[in-house]
């Protein structure tokens, strides 16, 4: 099944290269993109439609791995990219993100903006093309709904990160003339687009809709919008969030995978939990560098990887790891080696301590090697990841191995670089936790159960069915629920949004000293809450002088 699905995606992206040619950002085109294909003869079959809309999806590949993920992870307590000797300084970019010292000239910020609006521009371009055909496809309403819902997802990212962004709904609009819309206006636009699209979207969950917008993906996007409505507009919509979550939960289309890591493994296209993913393939759809970002240069033998494919960069510090995860384990011995199995499956997504040349097991929460005679070395010291560290820049050998390393997207043996794991954007566990949060904040309990019932579905899976770790209603507190989201959704791109919604995104112990300042590099309190939005990039203002800078940053 995987080969069939990946081969189909390969064909679609090859056709995309012919069709698209360009359509980047909101830049207008001087020459027809479909110059080699007669539009009137193209939009006839399901495969042609899939190929025609594929360019609108390609921007997701750039949003789920690098710059955008850095802004939404490294700006929190979840991820840190320390300078390791001469590595990973990059003109101080990563340090500024961690310290909330970013500026409107930040390359990372501009890249994130460009990628988001590149997706919006491609949606607009294809909508204009297909609606301008002399004879429209019989399923034109469904095509429009899919593209508009995808555009709404891109706009959700835009309003979440940049606030007052321009609404552009046609590729014919000159991008140098548009002005900022208010955050309320963008919120209203997203809500209206999703609500109008949902009745026309497919409810099918199979290979034909894999990696594409469905009714359930649109409900998930709507639920996220309502979850953060109070942040975006000042008015809470907890009941609406609950209703959108219920639509997914009660559909019966999705269920939690018994194994946490099966949602992220190299062949995760069969997951019954994942609602919306970005497909990747290490040969045909490259770009998933999740494990290259984090694993040490010398760790390739551990996972059967080819030499020279690791970057030794992104990691997690001790405050996040020890402050959130249950590290209790069951130990066993075999052939002179000692193994551990974590009680909470999710703790296994991080590598800590001594690493070995022996092959690492899958899933990474069971039978983890903690003693062997095949210790891996680096610079003549043990290759032992230390979550507790306090220097943001450390030139020593020890500094090069600081931080816990993430292996949620378990590496594919034999790979040299890009992974075949599809990157998850929405999954059922997140929806269950969102529904629980909505109840905690005032939404009614419904057919999907109480907040504790919903959270316990997630915790039962995490603890492999052991109900001793279940919560009661008394456990449903903001601090506990935020920590549960940290455990379940680490490195999935939601931490910044969560910290803002829980009002702990700046100047709190989630970043530094209240825990003693011994497990992570310190971060000073922000000068104000304005850092909860990123600045409008200078480069975008240069292209469009009508754009107005977000409050707190220097005016253009």
Protein backbone atom coordinates (compact mmCIF):
# COMPACT_ATOMS: atom_id res chain seq x y z
CA UNK A 1 0.00 0.00 0.00
CA UNK A 2 2.78 2.40 0.86
CA UNK A 3 4.47 1.95 -2.52
CA UNK A 4 1.22 2.60 -4.36
CA UNK A 5 0.47 5.70 -2.34
CA UNK A 6 3.97 7.11 -2.55
CA UNK A 7 4.23 6.40 -6.28
CA UNK A 8 0.96 8.24 -6.86
CA UNK A 9 2.25 11.19 -4.89
CA UNK A 10 5.47 11.12 -6.88
CA UNK A 11 3.52 11.36 -10.14
CA UNK A 12 1.43 14.22 -8.79
CA UNK A 13 4.49 16.20 -7.77
CA UNK A 14 6.19 15.58 -11.10
CA UNK A 15 3.13 16.98 -12.85
CA UNK A 16 3.20 19.82 -10.34
CA UNK A 17 6.64 20.82 -11.56
CA UNK A 18 5.21 21.15 -15.08
CA UNK A 19 2.03 22.91 -14.02
CA UNK A 20 3.42 25.22 -11.41
CA UNK A 21 6.72 26.38 -12.74
CA UNK A 22 6.43 29.42 -10.52
CA UNK A 23 3.42 30.56 -8.46
CA UNK A 24 5.47 31.52 -5.45
CA UNK A 25 4.05 33.89 -2.87
CA UNK A 26 1.58 36.51 -4.07
CA UNK A 27 3.65 37.50 -7.10
CA UNK A 28 1.65 37.79 -10.31
CA UNK A 29 2.78 35.83 -13.34
CA UNK A 30 3.65 37.26 -16.71
CA UNK A 31 3.34 33.97 -18.57
CA UNK A 32 0.68 31.25 -18.31
CA UNK A 33 1.68 28.53 -15.88
CA UNK A 34 -0.29 25.89 -17.74
CA UNK A 35 1.55 26.65 -20.98
CA UNK A 36 2.18 22.99 -21.79
CA UNK A 37 -1.32 21.78 -20.95
CA UNK A 38 -4.65 22.85 -22.39
CA UNK A 39 -6.66 23.90 -19.36
CA UNK A 40 -9.96 23.10 -21.00
CA UNK A 41 -8.81 19.52 -21.55
CA UNK A 42 -7.10 19.00 -18.24
CA UNK A 43 -9.57 19.12 -15.34
CA UNK A 44 -11.47 15.97 -16.34
CA UNK A 45 -10.40 13.01 -14.19
CA UNK A 46 -9.78 12.61 -10.44
CA UNK A 47 -6.05 12.21 -11.12
CA UNK A 48 -5.97 15.40 -13.18
CA UNK A 49 -7.80 17.31 -10.46
CA UNK A 50 -5.38 15.97 -7.83
CA UNK A 51 -2.43 17.03 -9.98
CA UNK A 52 -3.99 20.41 -10.67
CA UNK A 53 -4.41 21.29 -7.00
CA UNK A 54 -1.13 19.70 -5.84
CA UNK A 55 0.86 22.97 -6.02
CA UNK A 56 -1.34 24.39 -3.27
CA UNK A 57 -0.14 21.62 -0.96
CA UNK A 58 3.58 21.81 -1.67
CA UNK A 59 4.08 24.81 0.63
CA UNK A 60 3.17 22.59 3.58
CA UNK A 61 6.48 20.78 3.14
CA UNK A 62 8.32 23.99 3.93
CA UNK A 63 6.14 24.77 6.95
CA UNK A 64 6.48 21.53 8.88
CA UNK A 65 10.25 21.15 9.22
CA UNK A 66 12.46 24.26 9.34
CA UNK A 67 11.87 28.03 9.74
CA UNK A 68 8.20 28.01 10.70
CA UNK A 69 8.76 25.16 13.15
CA UNK A 70 11.72 27.02 14.65
CA UNK A 71 9.57 30.08 15.33
CA UNK A 72 6.91 27.96 17.01
CA UNK A 73 9.25 25.67 18.95
CA UNK A 74 12.52 27.44 19.69
CA UNK A 75 10.62 30.51 20.88
CA UNK A 76 9.21 28.31 23.66
CA UNK A 77 10.58 26.04 26.39
CA UNK A 78 10.19 23.02 24.11
CA UNK A 79 13.16 23.29 21.71
CA UNK A 80 16.51 25.03 21.87
CA UNK A 81 19.30 25.31 19.29
CA UNK A 82 22.46 26.08 21.26
CA UNK A 83 25.65 27.19 19.56
CA UNK A 84 27.95 24.16 19.60
CA UNK A 85 31.52 25.38 19.09
CA UNK A 86 31.45 26.94 15.63
CA UNK A 87 28.25 25.11 14.69
CA UNK A 88 24.73 26.49 14.76
CA UNK A 89 25.59 30.11 15.49
CA UNK A 90 24.27 31.26 12.10
CA UNK A 91 24.72 34.95 12.83
CA UNK A 92 22.91 34.54 16.14
CA UNK A 93 19.58 33.69 14.48
CA UNK A 94 18.68 30.74 16.73
CA UNK A 95 19.75 32.50 19.91
CA UNK A 96 17.57 35.50 19.10
CA UNK A 97 14.55 33.25 18.60
CA UNK A 98 15.14 31.54 21.94
CA UNK A 99 15.65 34.86 23.74
CA UNK A 100 12.70 36.58 21.98
CA UNK A 101 15.08 39.16 20.55
CA UNK A 102 13.97 38.73 16.94
CA UNK A 103 13.74 41.76 14.64
CA UNK A 104 11.81 42.62 11.45
CA UNK A 105 14.97 41.81 9.47
CA UNK A 106 15.09 38.22 10.74
CA UNK A 107 15.54 35.75 7.89
CA UNK A 108 13.65 33.05 9.78
CA UNK A 109 10.64 35.33 10.23
CA UNK A 110 10.63 36.41 6.59
CA UNK A 111 10.95 32.82 5.38
CA UNK A 112 7.96 31.77 7.49
CA UNK A 113 5.86 34.66 6.15
CA UNK A 114 6.88 33.90 2.56
CA UNK A 115 6.08 30.21 2.86
CA UNK A 116 2.64 30.85 4.38
CA UNK A 117 1.70 33.43 1.78
CA UNK A 118 3.22 31.27 -0.91
CA UNK A 119 0.58 28.68 -0.01
CA UNK A 120 -2.16 31.32 -0.06
CA UNK A 121 -0.94 32.57 -3.44
CA UNK A 122 -0.98 29.08 -4.94
CA UNK A 123 -4.51 28.44 -3.66
CA UNK A 124 -5.62 31.74 -5.21
CA UNK A 125 -3.89 31.02 -8.50
CA UNK A 126 -5.49 27.60 -8.93
CA UNK A 127 -8.91 28.92 -7.88
CA UNK A 128 -8.63 31.61 -10.55
CA UNK A 129 -7.54 29.09 -13.19
CA UNK A 130 -10.20 26.48 -12.58
CA UNK A 131 -13.02 29.01 -12.19
CA UNK A 132 -11.94 30.72 -15.39
CA UNK A 133 -12.33 27.62 -17.54
CA UNK A 134 -14.85 27.95 -20.38
CA UNK A 135 -16.35 24.63 -19.27
CA UNK A 136 -15.97 24.11 -15.56
CA UNK A 137 -15.45 20.64 -14.06
CA UNK A 138 -18.61 18.94 -12.85
CA UNK A 139 -17.21 18.95 -9.31
CA UNK A 140 -16.15 22.59 -9.35
CA UNK A 141 -17.88 23.26 -6.01
CA UNK A 142 -15.88 20.48 -4.35
CA UNK A 143 -12.61 21.73 -5.87
CA UNK A 144 -13.33 25.24 -4.64
CA UNK A 145 -14.17 23.97 -1.17
CA UNK A 146 -10.93 21.99 -0.91
CA UNK A 147 -8.78 24.92 -2.00
CA UNK A 148 -10.60 27.46 0.17
CA UNK A 149 -10.33 25.23 3.24
CA UNK A 150 -6.62 24.77 2.59
CA UNK A 151 -6.25 28.52 2.15
CA UNK A 152 -8.07 28.97 5.46
CA UNK A 153 -5.49 26.70 7.10
CA UNK A 154 -2.68 28.86 5.73
CA UNK A 155 -4.49 31.93 7.02
CA UNK A 156 -4.83 30.31 10.45
CA UNK A 157 -1.04 30.08 10.57
CA UNK A 158 -0.76 33.68 9.38
CA UNK A 159 -3.18 35.15 11.93
CA UNK A 160 -1.65 33.07 14.71
CA UNK A 161 1.91 34.19 14.02
CA UNK A 162 1.57 37.65 12.48
CA UNK A 163 -1.85 38.95 13.55
CA UNK A 164 -3.05 41.75 11.28
CA UNK A 165 -2.28 40.27 7.87
CA UNK A 166 -3.78 41.20 4.49
CA UNK A 167 -6.64 39.10 3.15
CA UNK A 168 -5.99 38.26 -0.51
CA UNK A 169 -8.57 36.03 -2.20
CA UNK A 170 -7.60 36.35 -5.87
CA UNK A 171 -4.33 35.94 -7.71
CA UNK A 172 -5.30 38.92 -9.84
CA UNK A 173 -4.90 41.23 -6.84
CA UNK A 174 -1.71 43.27 -7.04
CA UNK A 175 0.21 42.22 -3.88
CA UNK A 176 1.89 45.62 -3.66
CA UNK A 177 -1.46 47.35 -3.07
CA UNK A 178 -3.02 45.31 -0.26
CA UNK A 179 -3.24 46.58 3.32
CA UNK A 180 -3.34 44.89 6.71
CA UNK A 181 -6.67 43.52 7.81
CA UNK A 182 -7.43 43.40 11.51
CA UNK A 183 -7.01 40.13 13.35
CA UNK A 184 -10.78 40.07 13.87
CA UNK A 185 -11.36 40.43 10.12
CA UNK A 186 -8.95 37.61 9.34
CA UNK A 187 -10.60 35.43 11.99
CA UNK A 188 -14.04 36.09 10.48
CA UNK A 189 -12.73 35.31 6.99
CA UNK A 190 -11.25 31.97 8.09
CA UNK A 191 -14.41 30.97 9.95
CA UNK A 192 -16.68 31.83 7.02
CA UNK A 193 -14.50 30.00 4.48
CA UNK A 194 -14.37 26.83 6.58
CA UNK A 195 -18.08 26.78 7.43
CA UNK A 196 -19.00 27.25 3.77
CA UNK A 197 -16.55 24.56 2.62
CA UNK A 198 -17.27 21.79 5.12
CA UNK A 199 -20.57 20.57 3.56
CA UNK A 200 -18.83 20.21 0.18
CA UNK A 201 -15.72 18.39 1.38
CA UNK A 202 -15.16 14.65 1.23
CA UNK A 203 -15.88 12.64 4.37
CA UNK A 204 -13.94 9.68 2.96
CA UNK A 205 -10.82 8.58 4.84
CA UNK A 206 -8.67 6.38 2.60
CA UNK A 207 -5.77 6.59 0.15
CA UNK A 208 -7.78 8.80 -2.19
CA UNK A 209 -7.91 11.57 0.42
CA UNK A 210 -4.61 10.88 2.16
CA UNK A 211 -2.67 14.11 2.66
CA UNK A 212 -5.57 16.17 1.30
CA UNK A 213 -8.20 18.40 2.84
CA UNK A 214 -11.28 16.51 4.02
CA UNK A 215 -14.33 17.47 6.04
CA UNK A 216 -12.46 16.33 9.16
CA UNK A 217 -9.34 18.35 8.42
CA UNK A 218 -11.56 21.42 8.01
CA UNK A 219 -13.28 20.70 11.33
CA UNK A 220 -9.84 20.39 12.97
CA UNK A 221 -8.80 23.76 11.51
CA UNK A 222 -12.06 25.29 12.72
CA UNK A 223 -11.55 23.78 16.18
CA UNK A 224 -8.07 25.34 16.38
CA UNK A 225 -9.51 28.69 15.32
CA UNK A 226 -12.15 28.56 18.05
CA UNK A 227 -9.67 27.21 20.62
CA UNK A 228 -7.63 30.40 20.21
CA UNK A 229 -10.50 32.80 19.50
CA UNK A 230 -10.04 34.69 22.75
CA UNK A 231 -6.40 35.34 21.86
CA UNK A 232 -7.24 36.41 18.31
CA UNK A 233 -10.37 38.49 18.94
CA UNK A 234 -10.87 38.95 22.68
CA UNK A 235 -14.03 36.79 22.62
CA UNK A 236 -13.98 33.13 23.68
CA UNK A 237 -15.69 30.43 21.58
CA UNK A 238 -15.32 27.36 23.77
CA UNK A 239 -18.72 25.89 22.86
CA UNK A 240 -17.92 26.26 19.16
CA UNK A 241 -14.54 24.61 19.71
CA UNK A 242 -16.26 21.74 21.50
CA UNK A 243 -18.77 21.29 18.68
CA UNK A 244 -16.04 21.17 16.02
CA UNK A 245 -14.10 18.61 18.06
CA UNK A 246 -17.25 16.53 18.59
CA UNK A 247 -17.83 16.42 14.84
CA UNK A 248 -14.51 14.63 14.45
CA UNK A 249 -14.67 12.43 17.53
CA UNK A 250 -18.25 11.23 16.94
CA UNK A 251 -17.68 10.60 13.23
CA UNK A 252 -16.03 7.28 14.07
CA UNK A 253 -13.50 7.90 11.32
CA UNK A 254 -10.49 8.02 13.65
CA UNK A 255 -9.18 6.11 16.65
CA UNK A 256 -6.06 6.29 18.80
CA UNK A 257 -3.25 4.01 17.69
CA UNK A 258 -2.30 1.55 20.46
CA UNK A 259 1.34 2.49 19.95
CA UNK A 260 2.13 6.20 20.29
CA UNK A 261 5.04 6.03 17.84
CA UNK A 262 3.05 4.31 15.10
CA UNK A 263 1.68 7.75 14.20
CA UNK A 264 5.17 8.91 13.23
CA UNK A 265 7.11 5.88 11.95
CA UNK A 266 8.50 5.72 8.38
CA UNK A 267 5.37 3.85 7.23
CA UNK A 268 2.84 5.92 9.16
CA UNK A 269 0.39 6.24 6.27
CA UNK A 270 -1.74 3.50 7.86
CA UNK A 271 -2.33 5.40 11.11
CA UNK A 272 -6.00 5.48 12.13
CA UNK A 273 -5.29 8.51 14.32
CA UNK A 274 -3.77 10.99 11.89
CA UNK A 275 -6.27 13.42 10.37
CA UNK A 276 -4.02 15.54 8.14
CA UNK A 277 -0.42 14.89 7.17
CA UNK A 278 2.26 16.15 4.82
CA UNK A 279 3.49 13.18 2.73
CA UNK A 280 7.23 12.64 2.34
CA UNK A 281 9.41 10.03 0.68
CA UNK A 282 13.19 9.75 0.93
CA UNK A 283 13.47 9.36 -2.84
CA UNK A 284 10.60 11.23 -4.41
CA UNK A 285 9.19 13.75 -1.92
CA UNK A 286 12.24 14.85 0.03
CA UNK A 287 12.58 17.45 2.75
CA UNK A 288 11.68 15.70 5.99
CA UNK A 289 14.83 16.37 8.01
CA UNK A 290 13.29 15.91 11.45
CA UNK A 291 15.96 13.53 12.75
CA UNK A 292 18.84 15.14 10.87
CA UNK A 293 18.08 18.33 12.81
CA UNK A 294 18.65 16.73 16.17
CA UNK A 295 20.83 13.59 16.07
CA UNK A 296 24.59 13.81 16.63
CA UNK A 297 26.99 13.43 13.72
CA UNK A 298 28.35 10.16 15.12
CA UNK A 299 25.03 8.50 15.86
CA UNK A 300 24.39 6.95 12.46
CA UNK A 301 25.32 3.37 13.57
CA UNK A 302 22.63 3.47 16.26
CA UNK A 303 19.88 3.72 13.65
CA UNK A 304 21.54 2.06 10.67
CA UNK A 305 21.94 5.39 8.90
CA UNK A 306 24.59 6.26 6.35
CA UNK A 307 27.50 8.39 7.63
CA UNK A 308 27.43 12.16 7.38
CA UNK A 309 23.67 12.63 7.45
CA UNK A 310 23.16 14.18 10.92
CA UNK A 311 23.25 17.89 11.86
CA UNK A 312 23.54 17.79 15.71
CA UNK A 313 21.45 20.91 16.27
CA UNK A 314 17.95 21.00 17.74
CA UNK A 315 17.43 19.59 21.23
CA UNK A 316 15.37 19.86 24.42
CA UNK A 317 16.68 21.14 27.75
CA UNK A 318 16.19 19.70 31.20
CA UNK A 319 13.45 22.07 32.31
CA UNK A 320 11.12 20.81 29.59
CA UNK A 321 12.18 17.16 29.76
CA UNK A 322 12.36 16.62 33.52
CA UNK A 323 9.61 19.15 34.18
CA UNK A 324 7.01 17.31 32.09
CA UNK A 325 7.91 13.67 31.49
CA UNK A 326 7.50 10.57 33.64
CA UNK A 327 10.92 8.91 33.48
CA UNK A 328 10.01 5.91 35.67
CA UNK A 329 10.94 2.67 33.96
CA UNK A 330 11.04 -1.09 34.20
CA UNK A 331 14.51 -2.58 33.76
CA UNK A 332 15.57 -5.95 32.35
CA UNK A 333 18.83 -7.71 31.47
CA UNK A 334 19.83 -9.87 28.53
CA UNK A 335 23.25 -11.12 27.42
CA UNK A 336 25.07 -8.78 29.78
CA UNK A 337 23.14 -5.72 28.62
CA UNK A 338 20.64 -3.66 30.58
CA UNK A 339 17.41 -2.38 29.02
CA UNK A 340 14.66 -0.06 30.18
CA UNK A 341 11.01 0.28 29.18
CA UNK A 342 9.35 3.59 30.01
CA UNK A 343 6.00 3.41 31.78
CA UNK A 344 4.82 6.40 29.74
CA UNK A 345 5.44 5.56 26.08
CA UNK A 346 5.89 9.24 25.23
CA UNK A 347 9.05 9.60 27.32
CA UNK A 348 10.80 7.43 24.76
CA UNK A 349 10.62 10.18 22.15
CA UNK A 350 13.76 11.69 23.71
CA UNK A 351 17.27 10.27 23.74
CA UNK A 352 19.12 10.99 27.00
CA UNK A 353 22.30 9.64 28.52
CA UNK A 354 24.92 7.34 27.03
CA UNK A 355 24.46 6.27 23.42
CA UNK A 356 25.68 2.98 21.97
CA UNK A 357 26.70 1.50 18.64
CA UNK A 358 24.07 -1.22 19.07
CA UNK A 359 20.98 -0.70 16.93
CA UNK A 360 18.28 1.28 18.74
CA UNK A 361 14.93 -0.55 19.09
CA UNK A 362 11.54 0.38 17.69
CA UNK A 363 9.37 1.57 19.34
CA UNK A 364 11.77 3.78 21.29
CA UNK A 365 9.93 3.43 24.60
CA UNK A 366 10.58 -0.32 24.94
CA UNK A 367 13.79 -2.25 25.57
CA UNK A 368 15.96 0.85 25.38
CA UNK A 369 19.62 -0.01 25.87
CA UNK A 370 21.07 1.68 28.96
CA UNK A 371 24.22 -0.43 29.38
CA UNK A 372 26.45 -2.09 26.81
CA UNK A 373 30.17 -2.49 26.18
CA UNK A 374 29.80 -0.70 22.83
CA UNK A 375 29.80 2.88 24.17
CA UNK A 376 29.85 5.50 21.44
CA UNK A 377 32.51 8.20 21.80
CA UNK A 378 32.89 11.78 20.58
CA UNK A 379 36.11 13.75 20.94
CA UNK A 380 37.29 10.97 23.26
CA UNK A 381 34.41 11.53 25.67
CA UNK A 382 31.28 9.38 25.95
CA UNK A 383 28.51 10.35 23.54
CA UNK A 384 26.04 10.95 26.35
CA UNK A 385 23.23 13.45 25.88
CA UNK A 386 22.80 15.69 28.92
CA UNK A 387 19.40 17.42 29.14
CA UNK A 388 20.62 19.71 31.93
CA UNK A 389 22.81 22.51 30.57
CA UNK A 390 22.92 26.25 31.10
CA UNK A 391 25.07 27.71 28.31
CA UNK A 392 23.42 28.95 25.15
CA UNK A 393 26.87 28.92 23.53
CA UNK A 394 29.43 26.30 24.57
CA UNK A 395 32.67 25.66 22.64
CA UNK A 396 33.62 22.54 24.60
CA UNK A 397 33.18 18.93 23.52
CA UNK A 398 30.55 18.54 26.24
CA UNK A 399 28.65 21.47 24.74
CA UNK A 400 28.36 19.64 21.45
CA UNK A 401 26.38 16.84 23.08
CA UNK A 402 24.16 18.94 25.36
CA UNK A 403 20.41 18.50 25.29
CA UNK A 404 17.97 15.60 24.91
CA UNK A 405 17.42 14.55 21.28
CA UNK A 406 14.03 13.93 19.67
CA UNK A 407 13.27 10.68 17.82
CA UNK A 408 9.49 10.86 17.57
CA UNK A 409 9.86 10.54 13.79
CA UNK A 410 11.89 7.37 14.13
CA UNK A 411 14.73 7.28 11.57
CA UNK A 412 14.54 4.98 8.59
CA UNK A 413 17.42 2.49 8.44
CA UNK A 414 19.61 2.90 5.38
CA UNK A 415 18.50 6.47 4.74
CA UNK A 416 21.01 9.21 4.07
CA UNK A 417 19.14 12.40 4.73
CA UNK A 418 15.46 12.87 4.00
CA UNK A 419 12.99 10.57 5.73
CA UNK A 420 9.86 8.83 4.47
CA UNK A 421 7.86 9.55 7.64
CA UNK A 422 4.83 11.68 6.77
CA UNK A 423 4.67 14.73 9.06
CA UNK A 424 1.50 14.98 11.14
CA UNK A 425 -0.40 18.29 11.28
CA UNK A 426 -3.65 17.14 12.93
CA UNK A 427 -4.39 13.93 14.86
CA UNK A 428 -7.13 12.65 17.12
CA UNK A 429 -5.17 12.87 20.39
CA UNK A 430 -4.90 16.64 19.94
CA UNK A 431 -8.63 16.88 19.24
CA UNK A 432 -9.40 14.97 22.46
CA UNK A 433 -7.19 17.30 24.49
CA UNK A 434 -8.73 20.36 22.82
CA UNK A 435 -12.22 19.12 23.70
CA UNK A 436 -11.11 18.58 27.30
CA UNK A 437 -9.70 22.09 27.47
CA UNK A 438 -12.92 23.55 26.10
CA UNK A 439 -14.82 21.84 28.94
CA UNK A 440 -12.30 23.07 31.51
CA UNK A 441 -12.89 26.62 30.25
CA UNK A 442 -16.67 26.44 30.27
CA UNK A 443 -18.03 24.37 27.38
CA UNK A 444 -20.68 21.80 28.24
CA UNK A 445 -19.91 18.11 28.63
CA UNK A 446 -21.40 16.25 25.70
CA UNK A 447 -21.65 12.82 24.15
CA UNK A 448 -17.86 12.58 23.97
CA UNK A 449 -17.56 12.53 27.77
CA UNK A 450 -16.10 14.63 30.55
CA UNK A 451 -12.75 16.38 30.40
CA UNK A 452 -11.22 13.60 32.50
CA UNK A 453 -12.74 10.94 30.21
CA UNK A 454 -11.20 12.62 27.18
CA UNK A 455 -7.76 13.09 28.70
CA UNK A 456 -7.76 9.54 30.03
CA UNK A 457 -8.14 8.15 26.53
CA UNK A 458 -4.81 9.78 25.75
CA UNK A 459 -3.19 8.77 29.04
CA UNK A 460 -4.38 5.17 28.84
CA UNK A 461 -2.64 4.83 25.50
CA UNK A 462 0.47 6.53 26.87
CA UNK A 463 0.62 4.11 29.81
CA UNK A 464 -0.21 1.06 27.67
CA UNK A 465 -3.62 0.53 29.25
CA UNK A 466 -2.60 1.02 32.90
CA UNK A 467 -5.55 2.90 34.44
CA UNK A 468 -3.55 3.66 37.60
CA UNK A 469 -2.40 6.84 35.86
CA UNK A 470 -5.88 8.07 34.97
CA UNK A 471 -7.02 11.52 36.04
CA UNK A 472 -10.06 12.60 37.99
CA UNK A 473 -11.91 15.88 37.55
CA UNK A 474 -9.67 17.39 40.23
CA UNK A 475 -6.67 16.86 37.95
CA UNK A 476 -8.18 18.99 35.18
CA UNK A 477 -6.33 22.24 35.84
CA UNK A 478 -4.64 24.64 33.42
CA UNK A 479 -1.15 23.68 34.60
CA UNK A 480 -1.84 19.95 34.32
CA UNK A 481 -3.51 20.18 30.93
CA UNK A 482 -0.71 22.32 29.53
CA UNK A 483 1.80 19.73 30.74
CA UNK A 484 -0.23 16.91 29.20
CA UNK A 485 -0.24 18.73 25.88
CA UNK A 486 3.54 19.10 26.21
CA UNK A 487 3.97 15.37 26.73
CA UNK A 488 1.62 14.32 23.96
CA UNK A 489 2.38 16.93 21.30
CA UNK A 490 6.07 17.75 21.77
CA UNK A 491 7.78 19.10 18.65
CA UNK A 492 4.52 19.03 16.66
CA UNK A 493 4.32 22.80 16.26
CA UNK A 494 1.72 23.75 18.88
CA UNK A 495 3.77 24.76 21.93
CA UNK A 496 4.01 28.50 21.20
CA UNK A 497 0.28 28.72 20.59
CA UNK A 498 -0.42 26.75 23.77
CA UNK A 499 1.81 28.93 25.96
CA UNK A 500 0.13 32.07 24.63
CA UNK A 501 -3.36 30.69 25.18
CA UNK A 502 -2.46 29.65 28.74
CA UNK A 503 -0.94 33.13 29.28
CA UNK A 504 2.54 31.89 30.18
CA UNK A 505 4.36 32.71 26.94
CA UNK A 506 6.76 35.36 28.22
CA UNK A 507 8.77 36.02 31.36
CA UNK A 508 7.62 32.91 33.24
CA UNK A 509 9.25 29.81 34.69
CA UNK A 510 8.45 27.97 31.47
CA UNK A 511 11.67 29.52 30.21
CA UNK A 512 14.14 29.90 33.04
CA UNK A 513 14.97 30.77 36.62
CA UNK A 514 11.99 29.74 38.77
CA UNK A 515 13.30 26.18 38.65
CA UNK A 516 16.73 27.37 39.78
CA UNK A 517 18.34 28.07 36.42
CA UNK A 518 20.34 24.84 36.53
CA UNK A 519 18.64 22.88 33.76
CA UNK A 520 18.39 25.37 30.89
CA UNK A 521 19.99 28.58 29.61
CA UNK A 522 18.36 31.59 31.24
CA UNK A 523 16.06 33.87 29.31
CA UNK A 524 15.18 37.35 30.53
CA UNK A 525 11.54 38.37 30.78
CA UNK A 526 10.13 39.88 27.60
CA UNK A 527 9.84 43.66 27.42
CA UNK A 528 6.12 43.23 26.79
CA UNK A 529 3.48 40.87 25.45
CA UNK A 530 4.01 42.25 21.94
CA UNK A 531 6.39 39.32 21.31
CA UNK A 532 3.35 37.04 21.19
CA UNK A 533 3.23 38.13 17.55
CA UNK A 534 6.20 38.13 15.22
CA UNK A 535 7.03 41.35 13.36
CA UNK A 536 5.92 41.99 9.81
CA UNK A 537 9.20 41.37 7.92
CA UNK A 538 11.05 44.36 6.52
CA UNK A 539 11.40 42.54 3.21
CA UNK A 540 7.62 42.33 2.89
CA UNK A 541 7.22 46.04 3.63
CA UNK A 542 9.82 46.81 0.96
CA UNK A 543 7.62 44.96 -1.55
CA UNK A 544 4.43 46.51 -0.21
CA UNK A 545 4.79 49.86 1.63
CA UNK A 546 1.10 49.69 2.62
CA UNK A 547 1.85 47.12 5.32
CA UNK A 548 1.81 48.45 8.89
CA UNK A 549 4.13 46.99 11.53
CA UNK A 550 2.76 45.09 14.54
CA UNK A 551 2.68 47.02 17.85
CA UNK A 552 5.87 46.93 19.90
CA UNK A 553 8.23 46.76 16.95
CA UNK A 554 9.86 49.79 15.25
CA UNK A 555 7.44 51.39 12.78
CA UNK A 556 8.32 51.21 9.10
